[in-house]
Structure formats: structure tokens, C-alpha cells
């Protein structure tokens, strides 16, 4: 399993618009992807921060590639989302079996 972490920093004042985009577009789209096992979205607790986190868990790299394409190690940014973003970071991690 692969954990994919996307950390977008949102333009100040655009947080509500970004949250609407997540609710109405991004989460429904990702939810339909084959191989997706879980997804969690978090908003900053610190009032001065505009960095969000979007964590998805996938069966394997092939599942991510089917969703994101050959450049699967990069963030998938929708055109209608671009103006909301100040910066982005993405990382991928192998799940460590603990039992």
C-alpha cells in the first residue's frame, strides 16, 4: 500500500473557495478511483496557516498511476483549482506493516 500526502498552501482569503472545491469536485473525483483505500482531508488548526493536508491510501503505485498518469509523483492540479494555490508539496510512502 502507498500513502500519498498532498500539502497545498492556499492563497490567503481563498480558504473557503478551496474547501468548496474539495467538497464539490476533488473528493468526489478521487472517491471514484479504483484502488483507493482511504482518504482524509485536514485544514490548519493554526489561524495564521493556510496549509491543508490531503492524505490518500492506495493499493499500489499502479492505482495512483491510473488516477494521476505517468507523472504520478506530481500533484494533480485541476485548472479551476490553480488560482487558489500558493504552493504545493507531495510525497509518497510505503505502508509499514506493524502486526
C-alpha atoms as a PDB file:
ATOM      1  CA  UNK A   1       0.000   0.000   0.000  1.00  0.00           C
ATOM      2  CA  UNK A   2       1.079   3.543  -0.735  1.00  0.00           C
ATOM      3  CA  UNK A   3       0.267   6.651   1.294  1.00  0.00           C
ATOM      4  CA  UNK A   4       0.087   9.787  -0.869  1.00  0.00           C
ATOM      5  CA  UNK A   5       0.262  13.086   1.011  1.00  0.00           C
ATOM      6  CA  UNK A   6      -0.615  16.342  -0.733  1.00  0.00           C
ATOM      7  CA  UNK A   7       0.005  19.548   1.227  1.00  0.00           C
ATOM      8  CA  UNK A   8      -1.296  22.618  -0.593  1.00  0.00           C
ATOM      9  CA  UNK A   9      -0.796  26.092   0.802  1.00  0.00           C
ATOM     10  CA  UNK A  10      -3.784  28.223  -0.180  1.00  0.00           C
ATOM     11  CA  UNK A  11      -3.793  31.874  -1.183  1.00  0.00           C
ATOM     12  CA  UNK A  12      -4.853  33.969   1.819  1.00  0.00           C
ATOM     13  CA  UNK A  13      -8.571  34.645   1.694  1.00  0.00           C
ATOM     14  CA  UNK A  14      -9.275  31.718  -0.645  1.00  0.00           C
ATOM     15  CA  UNK A  15      -9.691  29.052   2.049  1.00  0.00           C
ATOM     16  CA  UNK A  16     -13.492  28.864   1.760  1.00  0.00           C
ATOM     17  CA  UNK A  17     -13.320  28.587  -2.004  1.00  0.00           C
ATOM     18  CA  UNK A  18     -10.689  25.845  -1.690  1.00  0.00           C
ATOM     19  CA  UNK A  19     -12.811  23.903   0.811  1.00  0.00           C
ATOM     20  CA  UNK A  20     -15.785  24.132  -1.559  1.00  0.00           C
ATOM     21  CA  UNK A  21     -13.600  22.836  -4.398  1.00  0.00           C
ATOM     22  CA  UNK A  22     -12.518  19.909  -2.211  1.00  0.00           C
ATOM     23  CA  UNK A  23     -16.091  19.056  -1.196  1.00  0.00           C
ATOM     24  CA  UNK A  24     -17.714  19.521  -4.596  1.00  0.00           C
ATOM     25  CA  UNK A  25     -15.003  18.383  -7.016  1.00  0.00           C
ATOM     26  CA  UNK A  26     -11.792  16.821  -5.683  1.00  0.00           C
ATOM     27  CA  UNK A  27     -13.124  14.403  -3.065  1.00  0.00           C
ATOM     28  CA  UNK A  28     -15.954  13.042  -5.280  1.00  0.00           C
ATOM     29  CA  UNK A  29     -13.482  12.560  -8.160  1.00  0.00           C
ATOM     30  CA  UNK A  30     -10.865  10.776  -6.058  1.00  0.00           C
ATOM     31  CA  UNK A  31     -13.555   8.668  -4.346  1.00  0.00           C
ATOM     32  CA  UNK A  32     -14.400   7.065  -7.695  1.00  0.00           C
ATOM     33  CA  UNK A  33     -10.838   5.857  -8.362  1.00  0.00           C
ATOM     34  CA  UNK A  34     -10.134   2.148  -8.414  1.00  0.00           C
ATOM     35  CA  UNK A  35      -7.517   1.147  -5.865  1.00  0.00           C
ATOM     36  CA  UNK A  36      -8.268   3.981  -3.437  1.00  0.00           C
ATOM     37  CA  UNK A  37      -8.479   2.544   0.083  1.00  0.00           C
ATOM     38  CA  UNK A  38      -8.922   5.686   2.207  1.00  0.00           C
ATOM     39  CA  UNK A  39      -8.787   9.468   2.086  1.00  0.00           C
ATOM     40  CA  UNK A  40      -8.634  12.140   4.754  1.00  0.00           C
ATOM     41  CA  UNK A  41      -8.555  15.912   4.399  1.00  0.00           C
ATOM     42  CA  UNK A  42      -7.397  18.277   7.115  1.00  0.00           C
ATOM     43  CA  UNK A  43      -7.430  22.026   7.465  1.00  0.00           C
ATOM     44  CA  UNK A  44      -4.990  24.029   9.572  1.00  0.00           C
ATOM     45  CA  UNK A  45      -5.698  24.462  13.260  1.00  0.00           C
ATOM     46  CA  UNK A  46      -3.325  27.414  13.461  1.00  0.00           C
ATOM     47  CA  UNK A  47      -5.288  30.515  12.370  1.00  0.00           C
ATOM     48  CA  UNK A  48      -2.273  32.045  10.636  1.00  0.00           C
ATOM     49  CA  UNK A  49      -1.673  28.970   8.429  1.00  0.00           C
ATOM     50  CA  UNK A  50      -3.298  28.233   5.086  1.00  0.00           C
ATOM     51  CA  UNK A  51      -1.633  24.811   4.622  1.00  0.00           C
ATOM     52  CA  UNK A  52      -4.070  21.930   4.200  1.00  0.00           C
ATOM     53  CA  UNK A  53      -3.333  18.205   4.004  1.00  0.00           C
ATOM     54  CA  UNK A  54      -4.960  15.603   1.764  1.00  0.00           C
ATOM     55  CA  UNK A  55      -3.931  12.049   2.613  1.00  0.00           C
ATOM     56  CA  UNK A  56      -4.919   9.161   0.365  1.00  0.00           C
ATOM     57  CA  UNK A  57      -4.063   5.492   0.731  1.00  0.00           C
ATOM     58  CA  UNK A  58      -3.801   3.377  -2.414  1.00  0.00           C
ATOM     59  CA  UNK A  59      -3.455  -0.343  -3.085  1.00  0.00           C
ATOM     60  CA  UNK A  60      -0.293   0.173  -5.154  1.00  0.00           C
ATOM     61  CA  UNK A  61       1.584   2.530  -7.459  1.00  0.00           C
ATOM     62  CA  UNK A  62      -0.416   1.262 -10.436  1.00  0.00           C
ATOM     63  CA  UNK A  63      -3.608   2.553  -8.784  1.00  0.00           C
ATOM     64  CA  UNK A  64      -2.052   6.002  -8.348  1.00  0.00           C
ATOM     65  CA  UNK A  65      -0.751   5.938 -11.918  1.00  0.00           C
ATOM     66  CA  UNK A  66      -4.251   5.107 -13.228  1.00  0.00           C
ATOM     67  CA  UNK A  67      -5.544   8.199 -11.425  1.00  0.00           C
ATOM     68  CA  UNK A  68      -2.655  10.645 -11.897  1.00  0.00           C
ATOM     69  CA  UNK A  69      -0.996   9.446 -15.108  1.00  0.00           C
ATOM     70  CA  UNK A  70       2.641   8.812 -15.878  1.00  0.00           C
ATOM     71  CA  UNK A  71       3.687  11.831 -13.801  1.00  0.00           C
ATOM     72  CA  UNK A  72       2.026  10.225 -10.761  1.00  0.00           C
ATOM     73  CA  UNK A  73       4.722  11.526  -8.411  1.00  0.00           C
ATOM     74  CA  UNK A  74       3.485  15.066  -9.035  1.00  0.00           C
ATOM     75  CA  UNK A  75       0.325  16.698  -7.709  1.00  0.00           C
ATOM     76  CA  UNK A  76      -2.815  16.537  -9.821  1.00  0.00           C
ATOM     77  CA  UNK A  77      -3.961  20.164 -10.050  1.00  0.00           C
ATOM     78  CA  UNK A  78      -7.287  20.941 -11.708  1.00  0.00           C
ATOM     79  CA  UNK A  79      -7.413  24.142 -13.787  1.00  0.00           C
ATOM     80  CA  UNK A  80     -10.198  25.527 -11.570  1.00  0.00           C
ATOM     81  CA  UNK A  81      -8.009  24.938  -8.503  1.00  0.00           C
ATOM     82  CA  UNK A  82      -4.811  26.557  -9.762  1.00  0.00           C
ATOM     83  CA  UNK A  83      -5.628  30.156  -8.796  1.00  0.00           C
ATOM     84  CA  UNK A  84      -6.313  29.058  -5.204  1.00  0.00           C
ATOM     85  CA  UNK A  85      -2.841  27.596  -4.638  1.00  0.00           C
ATOM     86  CA  UNK A  86       0.152  29.464  -3.307  1.00  0.00           C
ATOM     87  CA  UNK A  87       2.427  26.399  -3.047  1.00  0.00           C
ATOM     88  CA  UNK A  88       2.176  22.598  -3.081  1.00  0.00           C
ATOM     89  CA  UNK A  89       4.111  19.635  -1.765  1.00  0.00           C
ATOM     90  CA  UNK A  90       3.513  15.943  -2.425  1.00  0.00           C
ATOM     91  CA  UNK A  91       5.093  12.782  -1.046  1.00  0.00           C
ATOM     92  CA  UNK A  92       4.614   9.036  -1.307  1.00  0.00           C
ATOM     93  CA  UNK A  93       5.269   6.453   1.406  1.00  0.00           C
ATOM     94  CA  UNK A  94       5.197   2.667   1.625  1.00  0.00           C
ATOM     95  CA  UNK A  95       2.949   1.415   4.426  1.00  0.00           C
ATOM     96  CA  UNK A  96       4.900  -0.393   7.129  1.00  0.00           C
ATOM     97  CA  UNK A  97       3.106  -3.499   8.377  1.00  0.00           C
ATOM     98  CA  UNK A  98       3.018  -3.339  12.169  1.00  0.00           C
ATOM     99  CA  UNK A  99       1.186  -6.533  13.050  1.00  0.00           C
END
